[in-house]
Amino acid sequence: MNSRETSYLAGVLHARGHVINERGRYGISFQTSDEEKAKVFIELAHALGKRPVTIKRGKSIKIFVYSKDLIHVRERVSDEKAFLQGFFDFGSTIYFRLRIHKNGKRQRCYAIRSSKKDFSILRKVKEMLSKLGINSHIYRSGRTFTLEIYGKHNFTQFYVKVGSKLESRRKLMEKLLGIHAQ
């Protein structure tokens, strides 16, 4: 298996995927209502030489990939950038707001957030981001923990060093950063 694709898949599974065992059939699954994410997940399965099974119910799309060799893919991270890309493509929100200071000055605030119940995975993601020079912090919110990449510099560094396979996310980041596609 290609290490980049395997690492991307590991990120996806840590973000939103599941390892399954259905009556002795092992594999992975992913559920979404986002057509673009479903398409990328299916393409990834094909690139790894697997045949995904897709079930659509209304807007919900559930994808199964039955393969015993994929159940340990979460531990196979050889390409940290690909892992981060998969993790954030499938398990984060891009946040933007305009902050108005008391003196009337306007400031754009950028953030990428990912919330999980598992603190340890967010700590590992924070360490990977730090190696790339991207600052982030983790805070607790009720029963979940949230990792946040905050500020224009860190947002820009994330765009440049990690990026996204999802066209809609790339375009959103480019729009927020004022980058015009050529």
N, C-alpha and C. Protein backbone atom coordinates (compact mmCIF):
# COMPACT_ATOMS: atom_id res chain seq x y z
N MET A 1 0.84 -1.19 0.00
CA MET A 1 0.00 0.00 0.00
C MET A 1 0.88 1.25 0.00
N ASN A 2 0.46 2.27 -0.70
CA ASN A 2 1.14 3.55 -0.76
C ASN A 2 1.13 4.19 0.62
N SER A 3 2.30 4.62 1.12
CA SER A 3 2.38 5.17 2.48
C SER A 3 1.61 6.48 2.61
N ARG A 4 1.59 7.30 1.56
CA ARG A 4 0.85 8.57 1.63
C ARG A 4 -0.64 8.29 1.76
N GLU A 5 -1.17 7.40 0.93
CA GLU A 5 -2.60 7.09 0.98
C GLU A 5 -2.97 6.38 2.28
N THR A 6 -2.11 5.49 2.74
CA THR A 6 -2.37 4.78 4.00
C THR A 6 -2.38 5.77 5.17
N SER A 7 -1.43 6.71 5.17
CA SER A 7 -1.38 7.72 6.24
C SER A 7 -2.59 8.64 6.19
N TYR A 8 -3.01 9.03 4.97
CA TYR A 8 -4.21 9.86 4.82
C TYR A 8 -5.42 9.11 5.38
N LEU A 9 -5.55 7.82 5.03
CA LEU A 9 -6.66 7.01 5.52
C LEU A 9 -6.61 6.89 7.04
N ALA A 10 -5.42 6.74 7.62
CA ALA A 10 -5.29 6.69 9.08
C ALA A 10 -5.84 7.97 9.71
N GLY A 11 -5.54 9.12 9.09
CA GLY A 11 -6.06 10.39 9.58
C GLY A 11 -7.58 10.46 9.50
N VAL A 12 -8.13 9.99 8.38
CA VAL A 12 -9.59 9.96 8.20
C VAL A 12 -10.23 9.09 9.28
N LEU A 13 -9.66 7.91 9.52
CA LEU A 13 -10.24 7.00 10.50
C LEU A 13 -10.16 7.56 11.92
N HIS A 14 -9.08 8.25 12.24
CA HIS A 14 -8.99 8.88 13.56
C HIS A 14 -9.99 10.03 13.69
N ALA A 15 -10.28 10.68 12.59
CA ALA A 15 -11.21 11.81 12.62
C ALA A 15 -12.67 11.37 12.67
N ARG A 16 -13.07 10.47 11.76
CA ARG A 16 -14.49 10.15 11.64
C ARG A 16 -14.81 8.71 11.25
N GLY A 17 -13.82 7.89 11.02
CA GLY A 17 -14.07 6.54 10.53
C GLY A 17 -14.21 5.54 11.66
N HIS A 18 -14.53 4.32 11.29
CA HIS A 18 -14.73 3.24 12.26
C HIS A 18 -14.10 1.96 11.74
N VAL A 19 -13.54 1.18 12.66
CA VAL A 19 -13.10 -0.17 12.35
C VAL A 19 -14.29 -1.06 12.67
N ILE A 20 -14.60 -1.99 11.76
CA ILE A 20 -15.80 -2.81 11.93
C ILE A 20 -15.48 -4.30 11.91
N ASN A 21 -16.36 -5.05 12.57
CA ASN A 21 -16.34 -6.51 12.53
C ASN A 21 -17.81 -6.92 12.48
N GLU A 22 -18.28 -7.20 11.29
CA GLU A 22 -19.68 -7.59 11.10
C GLU A 22 -19.73 -9.07 10.75
N ARG A 23 -20.07 -9.87 11.72
CA ARG A 23 -20.20 -11.32 11.54
C ARG A 23 -18.96 -11.93 10.88
N GLY A 24 -17.81 -11.56 11.44
CA GLY A 24 -16.57 -12.12 10.93
C GLY A 24 -15.97 -11.41 9.73
N ARG A 25 -16.66 -10.40 9.21
CA ARG A 25 -16.13 -9.59 8.10
C ARG A 25 -15.53 -8.33 8.69
N TYR A 26 -14.22 -8.18 8.52
CA TYR A 26 -13.51 -7.04 9.09
C TYR A 26 -13.31 -5.97 8.03
N GLY A 27 -13.21 -4.74 8.52
CA GLY A 27 -12.94 -3.65 7.60
C GLY A 27 -13.08 -2.31 8.27
N ILE A 28 -13.37 -1.30 7.46
CA ILE A 28 -13.53 0.07 7.94
C ILE A 28 -14.81 0.65 7.35
N SER A 29 -15.34 1.68 8.02
CA SER A 29 -16.53 2.34 7.48
C SER A 29 -16.44 3.83 7.75
N PHE A 30 -17.22 4.55 6.97
CA PHE A 30 -17.29 6.01 7.08
C PHE A 30 -18.69 6.44 6.67
N GLN A 31 -19.26 7.39 7.41
CA GLN A 31 -20.60 7.88 7.09
C GLN A 31 -20.57 9.41 7.00
N THR A 32 -21.27 9.92 5.99
CA THR A 32 -21.29 11.37 5.77
C THR A 32 -22.53 11.75 4.97
N SER A 33 -22.80 13.03 4.92
CA SER A 33 -23.81 13.55 3.99
C SER A 33 -23.13 14.43 2.94
N ASP A 34 -21.81 14.54 3.04
CA ASP A 34 -21.01 15.36 2.14
C ASP A 34 -20.55 14.53 0.94
N GLU A 35 -21.09 14.83 -0.23
CA GLU A 35 -20.77 14.07 -1.46
C GLU A 35 -19.27 14.10 -1.78
N GLU A 36 -18.64 15.24 -1.58
CA GLU A 36 -17.22 15.35 -1.89
C GLU A 36 -16.38 14.44 -1.00
N LYS A 37 -16.69 14.41 0.30
CA LYS A 37 -15.95 13.53 1.21
C LYS A 37 -16.19 12.06 0.84
N ALA A 38 -17.42 11.72 0.50
CA ALA A 38 -17.73 10.34 0.10
C ALA A 38 -16.91 9.96 -1.13
N LYS A 39 -16.84 10.87 -2.10
CA LYS A 39 -16.09 10.61 -3.34
C LYS A 39 -14.60 10.40 -3.05
N VAL A 40 -14.02 11.23 -2.19
CA VAL A 40 -12.61 11.10 -1.84
C VAL A 40 -12.36 9.79 -1.11
N PHE A 41 -13.26 9.40 -0.20
CA PHE A 41 -13.10 8.15 0.54
C PHE A 41 -13.16 6.95 -0.42
N ILE A 42 -14.10 6.99 -1.35
CA ILE A 42 -14.23 5.91 -2.34
C ILE A 42 -12.98 5.84 -3.23
N GLU A 43 -12.50 6.99 -3.70
CA GLU A 43 -11.29 7.03 -4.52
C GLU A 43 -10.08 6.50 -3.76
N LEU A 44 -10.02 6.80 -2.48
CA LEU A 44 -8.94 6.32 -1.63
C LEU A 44 -8.99 4.80 -1.51
N ALA A 45 -10.18 4.26 -1.32
CA ALA A 45 -10.34 2.80 -1.25
C ALA A 45 -9.87 2.15 -2.55
N HIS A 46 -10.27 2.71 -3.68
CA HIS A 46 -9.85 2.18 -4.98
C HIS A 46 -8.33 2.27 -5.15
N ALA A 47 -7.74 3.38 -4.72
CA ALA A 47 -6.29 3.56 -4.83
C ALA A 47 -5.54 2.52 -3.99
N LEU A 48 -6.16 2.04 -2.93
CA LEU A 48 -5.55 1.02 -2.07
C LEU A 48 -5.90 -0.39 -2.54
N GLY A 49 -6.56 -0.47 -3.71
CA GLY A 49 -6.88 -1.77 -4.29
C GLY A 49 -8.09 -2.45 -3.65
N LYS A 50 -8.97 -1.67 -3.04
CA LYS A 50 -10.14 -2.22 -2.36
C LYS A 50 -11.42 -1.80 -3.08
N ARG A 51 -12.47 -2.61 -2.89
CA ARG A 51 -13.77 -2.30 -3.49
C ARG A 51 -14.74 -1.85 -2.39
N PRO A 52 -15.07 -0.57 -2.36
CA PRO A 52 -15.99 -0.08 -1.33
C PRO A 52 -17.44 -0.46 -1.65
N VAL A 53 -18.22 -0.62 -0.59
CA VAL A 53 -19.66 -0.85 -0.69
C VAL A 53 -20.33 0.42 -0.18
N THR A 54 -21.19 1.02 -0.99
CA THR A 54 -21.83 2.27 -0.63
C THR A 54 -23.33 2.06 -0.44
N ILE A 55 -23.86 2.59 0.67
CA ILE A 55 -25.29 2.54 0.95
C ILE A 55 -25.77 3.98 1.14
N LYS A 56 -26.77 4.39 0.34
CA LYS A 56 -27.33 5.74 0.46
C LYS A 56 -28.73 5.64 1.03
N ARG A 57 -28.99 6.46 2.04
CA ARG A 57 -30.32 6.59 2.62
C ARG A 57 -30.60 8.08 2.79
N GLY A 58 -31.45 8.60 1.94
CA GLY A 58 -31.68 10.04 1.96
C GLY A 58 -30.39 10.75 1.61
N LYS A 59 -29.97 11.67 2.47
CA LYS A 59 -28.72 12.39 2.24
C LYS A 59 -27.51 11.68 2.85
N SER A 60 -27.77 10.68 3.66
CA SER A 60 -26.70 9.96 4.33
C SER A 60 -26.05 8.93 3.40
N ILE A 61 -24.72 8.92 3.41
CA ILE A 61 -23.95 7.98 2.60
C ILE A 61 -23.05 7.20 3.56
N LYS A 62 -23.20 5.89 3.58
CA LYS A 62 -22.36 5.05 4.42
C LYS A 62 -21.52 4.17 3.50
N ILE A 63 -20.21 4.18 3.73
CA ILE A 63 -19.28 3.45 2.88
C ILE A 63 -18.55 2.42 3.73
N PHE A 64 -18.55 1.18 3.25
CA PHE A 64 -17.85 0.08 3.91
C PHE A 64 -16.73 -0.40 3.00
N VAL A 65 -15.60 -0.70 3.59
CA VAL A 65 -14.50 -1.32 2.86
C VAL A 65 -14.09 -2.53 3.68
N TYR A 66 -14.46 -3.71 3.16
CA TYR A 66 -14.16 -4.95 3.88
C TYR A 66 -12.78 -5.45 3.49
N SER A 67 -11.90 -5.47 4.47
CA SER A 67 -10.54 -5.94 4.25
C SER A 67 -9.87 -6.05 5.61
N LYS A 68 -9.44 -7.24 5.95
CA LYS A 68 -8.82 -7.46 7.25
C LYS A 68 -7.52 -6.67 7.40
N ASP A 69 -6.81 -6.45 6.28
CA ASP A 69 -5.55 -5.72 6.39
C ASP A 69 -5.72 -4.23 6.66
N LEU A 70 -6.95 -3.71 6.60
CA LEU A 70 -7.18 -2.29 6.88
C LEU A 70 -7.54 -2.01 8.35
N ILE A 71 -7.81 -3.06 9.13
CA ILE A 71 -8.27 -2.80 10.50
C ILE A 71 -7.18 -2.21 11.40
N HIS A 72 -5.91 -2.34 11.01
CA HIS A 72 -4.82 -1.77 11.80
C HIS A 72 -4.21 -0.54 11.14
N VAL A 73 -4.90 0.01 10.16
CA VAL A 73 -4.35 1.13 9.39
C VAL A 73 -4.18 2.38 10.26
N ARG A 74 -4.93 2.52 11.34
CA ARG A 74 -4.78 3.70 12.21
C ARG A 74 -3.37 3.84 12.76
N GLU A 75 -2.69 2.72 12.92
CA GLU A 75 -1.34 2.73 13.48
C GLU A 75 -0.27 2.91 12.41
N ARG A 76 -0.63 2.88 11.13
CA ARG A 76 0.34 2.94 10.04
C ARG A 76 0.50 4.38 9.54
N VAL A 77 1.22 5.17 10.28
CA VAL A 77 1.42 6.57 9.89
C VAL A 77 2.90 6.77 9.59
N SER A 78 3.23 6.79 8.31
CA SER A 78 4.62 7.04 7.91
C SER A 78 4.77 8.43 7.29
N ASP A 79 3.66 9.03 6.90
CA ASP A 79 3.67 10.36 6.29
C ASP A 79 2.77 11.26 7.14
N GLU A 80 3.39 12.02 8.04
CA GLU A 80 2.61 12.83 8.98
C GLU A 80 1.78 13.91 8.30
N LYS A 81 2.29 14.50 7.23
CA LYS A 81 1.51 15.53 6.52
C LYS A 81 0.24 14.92 5.93
N ALA A 82 0.35 13.74 5.34
CA ALA A 82 -0.83 13.07 4.78
C ALA A 82 -1.81 12.71 5.88
N PHE A 83 -1.29 12.25 7.03
CA PHE A 83 -2.16 11.94 8.17
C PHE A 83 -2.94 13.19 8.60
N LEU A 84 -2.22 14.30 8.76
CA LEU A 84 -2.86 15.55 9.19
C LEU A 84 -3.90 16.00 8.17
N GLN A 85 -3.59 15.87 6.89
CA GLN A 85 -4.54 16.25 5.84
C GLN A 85 -5.81 15.43 5.95
N GLY A 86 -5.70 14.12 6.11
CA GLY A 86 -6.88 13.27 6.25
C GLY A 86 -7.65 13.59 7.52
N PHE A 87 -6.92 13.79 8.61
CA PHE A 87 -7.55 14.09 9.90
C PHE A 87 -8.36 15.38 9.82
N PHE A 88 -7.77 16.43 9.28
CA PHE A 88 -8.46 17.72 9.24
C PHE A 88 -9.49 17.80 8.11
N ASP A 89 -9.25 17.12 6.98
CA ASP A 89 -10.26 17.11 5.90
C ASP A 89 -11.57 16.51 6.39
N PHE A 90 -11.49 15.47 7.19
CA PHE A 90 -12.70 14.74 7.58
C PHE A 90 -13.17 15.03 8.99
N GLY A 91 -12.38 15.73 9.80
CA GLY A 91 -12.79 15.91 11.19
C GLY A 91 -12.54 17.28 11.77
N SER A 92 -12.71 18.32 10.96
CA SER A 92 -12.50 19.67 11.51
C SER A 92 -13.44 20.67 10.87
N THR A 93 -13.47 21.83 11.49
CA THR A 93 -14.27 22.94 11.00
C THR A 93 -13.36 24.14 10.80
N ILE A 94 -13.54 24.83 9.69
CA ILE A 94 -12.82 26.08 9.46
C ILE A 94 -13.72 27.20 9.95
N TYR A 95 -13.15 28.04 10.79
CA TYR A 95 -13.92 29.07 11.47
C TYR A 95 -13.33 30.44 11.15
N PHE A 96 -14.18 31.39 10.87
CA PHE A 96 -13.75 32.75 10.58
C PHE A 96 -14.75 33.72 11.18
N ARG A 97 -14.24 34.78 11.77
CA ARG A 97 -15.13 35.84 12.24
C ARG A 97 -14.39 37.17 12.17
N LEU A 98 -15.16 38.21 12.10
CA LEU A 98 -14.60 39.56 12.09
C LEU A 98 -14.76 40.13 13.50
N ARG A 99 -13.63 40.46 14.11
CA ARG A 99 -13.65 40.98 15.48
C ARG A 99 -13.49 42.49 15.40
N ILE A 100 -14.36 43.22 16.10
CA ILE A 100 -14.29 44.68 16.12
C ILE A 100 -13.84 45.11 17.51
N HIS A 101 -12.70 45.78 17.56
CA HIS A 101 -12.13 46.25 18.82
C HIS A 101 -12.86 47.50 19.30
N LYS A 102 -12.65 47.86 20.56
CA LYS A 102 -13.29 49.04 21.14
C LYS A 102 -12.95 50.32 20.38
N ASN A 103 -11.76 50.38 19.81
CA ASN A 103 -11.35 51.56 19.06
C ASN A 103 -11.90 51.56 17.62
N GLY A 104 -12.70 50.53 17.29
CA GLY A 104 -13.31 50.45 15.96
C GLY A 104 -12.50 49.70 14.93
N LYS A 105 -11.27 49.33 15.30
CA LYS A 105 -10.42 48.58 14.37
C LYS A 105 -11.00 47.18 14.16
N ARG A 106 -11.02 46.75 12.89
CA ARG A 106 -11.52 45.42 12.54
C ARG A 106 -10.36 44.45 12.39
N GLN A 107 -10.56 43.24 12.88
CA GLN A 107 -9.53 42.22 12.78
C GLN A 107 -10.17 40.91 12.35
N ARG A 108 -9.58 40.27 11.32
CA ARG A 108 -10.04 38.96 10.88
C ARG A 108 -9.47 37.90 11.81
N CYS A 109 -10.31 36.98 12.28
CA CYS A 109 -9.88 35.89 13.15
C CYS A 109 -10.11 34.57 12.42
N TYR A 110 -9.07 33.78 12.32
CA TYR A 110 -9.11 32.50 11.61
C TYR A 110 -8.87 31.38 12.61
N ALA A 111 -9.54 30.26 12.40
CA ALA A 111 -9.27 29.09 13.24
C ALA A 111 -9.71 27.83 12.51
N ILE A 112 -9.02 26.75 12.82
CA ILE A 112 -9.41 25.42 12.39
C ILE A 112 -9.56 24.63 13.67
N ARG A 113 -10.72 23.99 13.85
CA ARG A 113 -11.00 23.28 15.10
C ARG A 113 -11.38 21.83 14.84
N SER A 114 -10.92 20.98 15.76
CA SER A 114 -11.31 19.58 15.74
C SER A 114 -11.60 19.15 17.17
N SER A 115 -12.76 18.57 17.40
CA SER A 115 -13.15 18.13 18.73
C SER A 115 -13.24 16.62 18.80
N LYS A 116 -12.72 16.06 19.87
CA LYS A 116 -12.71 14.61 20.09
C LYS A 116 -12.86 14.33 21.58
N LYS A 117 -13.32 13.15 21.90
CA LYS A 117 -13.36 12.71 23.30
C LYS A 117 -11.99 12.18 23.72
N ASP A 118 -11.21 11.73 22.74
CA ASP A 118 -9.91 11.13 22.98
C ASP A 118 -8.82 12.21 22.98
N PHE A 119 -8.36 12.57 24.17
CA PHE A 119 -7.32 13.59 24.31
C PHE A 119 -6.01 13.16 23.66
N SER A 120 -5.69 11.87 23.76
CA SER A 120 -4.37 11.40 23.29
C SER A 120 -4.17 11.62 21.79
N ILE A 121 -5.21 11.42 20.99
CA ILE A 121 -5.04 11.65 19.54
C ILE A 121 -4.83 13.13 19.26
N LEU A 122 -5.52 14.00 19.97
CA LEU A 122 -5.32 15.44 19.76
C LEU A 122 -3.91 15.86 20.18
N ARG A 123 -3.40 15.26 21.24
CA ARG A 123 -2.03 15.56 21.68
C ARG A 123 -1.03 15.15 20.59
N LYS A 124 -1.24 13.97 19.97
CA LYS A 124 -0.36 13.52 18.88
C LYS A 124 -0.45 14.46 17.68
N VAL A 125 -1.66 14.89 17.35
CA VAL A 125 -1.86 15.82 16.23
C VAL A 125 -1.16 17.13 16.53
N LYS A 126 -1.27 17.62 17.75
CA LYS A 126 -0.60 18.87 18.16
C LYS A 126 0.91 18.75 17.98
N GLU A 127 1.48 17.60 18.35
CA GLU A 127 2.92 17.37 18.20
C GLU A 127 3.32 17.37 16.72
N MET A 128 2.51 16.74 15.88
CA MET A 128 2.80 16.72 14.44
C MET A 128 2.76 18.12 13.86
N LEU A 129 1.76 18.90 14.25
CA LEU A 129 1.63 20.28 13.77
C LEU A 129 2.84 21.11 14.22
N SER A 130 3.25 20.91 15.47
CA SER A 130 4.38 21.64 16.02
C SER A 130 5.66 21.40 15.21
N LYS A 131 5.87 20.16 14.76
CA LYS A 131 7.04 19.82 13.93
C LYS A 131 7.04 20.62 12.63
N LEU A 132 5.84 20.99 12.17
CA LEU A 132 5.72 21.77 10.93
C LEU A 132 5.74 23.27 11.19
N GLY A 133 5.89 23.67 12.45
CA GLY A 133 5.91 25.09 12.80
C GLY A 133 4.53 25.70 12.89
N ILE A 134 3.52 24.86 13.10
CA ILE A 134 2.13 25.34 13.22
C ILE A 134 1.73 25.24 14.69
N ASN A 135 1.44 26.38 15.31
CA ASN A 135 1.04 26.40 16.71
C ASN A 135 -0.44 26.06 16.84
N SER A 136 -0.75 25.32 17.89
CA SER A 136 -2.14 24.97 18.18
C SER A 136 -2.26 24.82 19.69
N HIS A 137 -3.49 24.80 20.17
CA HIS A 137 -3.70 24.53 21.59
C HIS A 137 -4.92 23.64 21.74
N ILE A 138 -4.98 22.96 22.89
CA ILE A 138 -6.07 22.05 23.19
C ILE A 138 -6.77 22.55 24.45
N TYR A 139 -8.08 22.60 24.40
CA TYR A 139 -8.84 22.96 25.60
C TYR A 139 -10.00 22.00 25.76
N ARG A 140 -10.49 21.93 26.98
CA ARG A 140 -11.59 21.03 27.31
C ARG A 140 -12.90 21.79 27.24
N SER A 141 -13.91 21.14 26.68
CA SER A 141 -15.25 21.72 26.59
C SER A 141 -16.25 20.61 26.95
N GLY A 142 -16.64 20.58 28.20
CA GLY A 142 -17.53 19.51 28.65
C GLY A 142 -16.79 18.18 28.65
N ARG A 143 -17.35 17.20 27.94
CA ARG A 143 -16.73 15.87 27.88
C ARG A 143 -15.77 15.72 26.71
N THR A 144 -15.64 16.75 25.89
CA THR A 144 -14.76 16.67 24.73
C THR A 144 -13.58 17.62 24.86
N PHE A 145 -12.58 17.36 24.05
CA PHE A 145 -11.41 18.22 23.96
C PHE A 145 -11.40 18.81 22.55
N THR A 146 -10.95 20.04 22.45
CA THR A 146 -10.89 20.70 21.15
C THR A 146 -9.47 21.17 20.89
N LEU A 147 -8.96 20.80 19.71
CA LEU A 147 -7.68 21.30 19.25
C LEU A 147 -8.00 22.46 18.31
N GLU A 148 -7.31 23.57 18.51
CA GLU A 148 -7.57 24.76 17.69
C GLU A 148 -6.26 25.30 17.14
N ILE A 149 -6.27 25.54 15.84
CA ILE A 149 -5.19 26.25 15.16
C ILE A 149 -5.73 27.66 14.95
N TYR A 150 -5.12 28.64 15.61
CA TYR A 150 -5.70 29.97 15.64
C TYR A 150 -4.73 31.01 15.09
N GLY A 151 -5.26 32.00 14.43
CA GLY A 151 -4.46 33.12 13.94
C GLY A 151 -4.09 32.98 12.48
N LYS A 152 -3.94 34.13 11.83
CA LYS A 152 -3.66 34.14 10.39
C LYS A 152 -2.35 33.44 10.06
N HIS A 153 -1.31 33.67 10.85
CA HIS A 153 -0.02 33.03 10.57
C HIS A 153 -0.14 31.51 10.59
N ASN A 154 -0.73 30.97 11.65
CA ASN A 154 -0.87 29.51 11.77
C ASN A 154 -1.82 28.95 10.72
N PHE A 155 -2.89 29.69 10.43
CA PHE A 155 -3.84 29.29 9.39
C PHE A 155 -3.13 29.22 8.04
N THR A 156 -2.31 30.23 7.74
CA THR A 156 -1.55 30.27 6.49
C THR A 156 -0.55 29.12 6.43
N GLN A 157 0.15 28.89 7.53
CA GLN A 157 1.11 27.79 7.58
C GLN A 157 0.42 26.44 7.37
N PHE A 158 -0.77 26.29 7.93
CA PHE A 158 -1.54 25.07 7.73
C PHE A 158 -1.89 24.91 6.25
N TYR A 159 -2.36 25.97 5.63
CA TYR A 159 -2.72 25.93 4.21
C TYR A 159 -1.52 25.52 3.35
N VAL A 160 -0.36 26.12 3.63
CA VAL A 160 0.84 25.88 2.83
C VAL A 160 1.44 24.50 3.10
N LYS A 161 1.54 24.10 4.37
CA LYS A 161 2.27 22.88 4.72
C LYS A 161 1.42 21.62 4.79
N VAL A 162 0.11 21.76 5.04
CA VAL A 162 -0.77 20.59 5.14
C VAL A 162 -1.77 20.58 3.99
N GLY A 163 -2.51 21.66 3.83
CA GLY A 163 -3.47 21.78 2.74
C GLY A 163 -4.65 20.84 2.88
N SER A 164 -5.29 20.54 1.76
CA SER A 164 -6.49 19.71 1.76
C SER A 164 -6.65 19.01 0.42
N LYS A 165 -7.15 17.77 0.45
CA LYS A 165 -7.52 17.06 -0.77
C LYS A 165 -8.89 17.51 -1.25
N LEU A 166 -9.67 18.08 -0.35
CA LEU A 166 -11.04 18.48 -0.68
C LEU A 166 -11.03 19.86 -1.33
N GLU A 167 -11.51 19.91 -2.56
CA GLU A 167 -11.51 21.16 -3.31
C GLU A 167 -12.28 22.27 -2.59
N SER A 168 -13.41 21.93 -2.00
CA SER A 168 -14.23 22.95 -1.32
C SER A 168 -13.47 23.57 -0.14
N ARG A 169 -12.70 22.76 0.59
CA ARG A 169 -11.91 23.28 1.72
C ARG A 169 -10.76 24.15 1.22
N ARG A 170 -10.09 23.70 0.16
CA ARG A 170 -9.00 24.50 -0.41
C ARG A 170 -9.51 25.86 -0.83
N LYS A 171 -10.65 25.86 -1.54
CA LYS A 171 -11.21 27.13 -2.02
C LYS A 171 -11.61 28.03 -0.86
N LEU A 172 -12.17 27.46 0.21
CA LEU A 172 -12.55 28.26 1.37
C LEU A 172 -11.31 28.88 2.02
N MET A 173 -10.26 28.08 2.20
CA MET A 173 -9.03 28.62 2.80
C MET A 173 -8.44 29.71 1.91
N GLU A 174 -8.43 29.49 0.60
CA GLU A 174 -7.90 30.50 -0.33
C GLU A 174 -8.72 31.78 -0.26
N LYS A 175 -10.02 31.64 -0.18
CA LYS A 175 -10.90 32.82 -0.09
C LYS A 175 -10.61 33.60 1.19
N LEU A 176 -10.51 32.89 2.33
CA LEU A 176 -10.23 33.56 3.60
C LEU A 176 -8.87 34.22 3.61
N LEU A 177 -7.90 33.61 2.96
CA LEU A 177 -6.55 34.17 2.92
C LEU A 177 -6.34 35.19 1.81
N GLY A 178 -7.35 35.34 0.96
CA GLY A 178 -7.24 36.31 -0.13
C GLY A 178 -6.37 35.83 -1.26
N ILE A 179 -6.27 34.50 -1.40
CA ILE A 179 -5.47 33.91 -2.49
C ILE A 179 -6.41 33.69 -3.68
N HIS A 180 -6.03 34.20 -4.83
CA HIS A 180 -6.86 34.06 -6.01
C HIS A 180 -6.32 32.94 -6.88
N ALA A 181 -7.15 31.95 -7.15
CA ALA A 181 -6.75 30.83 -8.00
C ALA A 181 -6.49 31.33 -9.42
N GLN A 182 -5.48 30.74 -10.03
CA GLN A 182 -5.12 31.19 -11.39
C GLN A 182 -5.60 30.21 -12.41
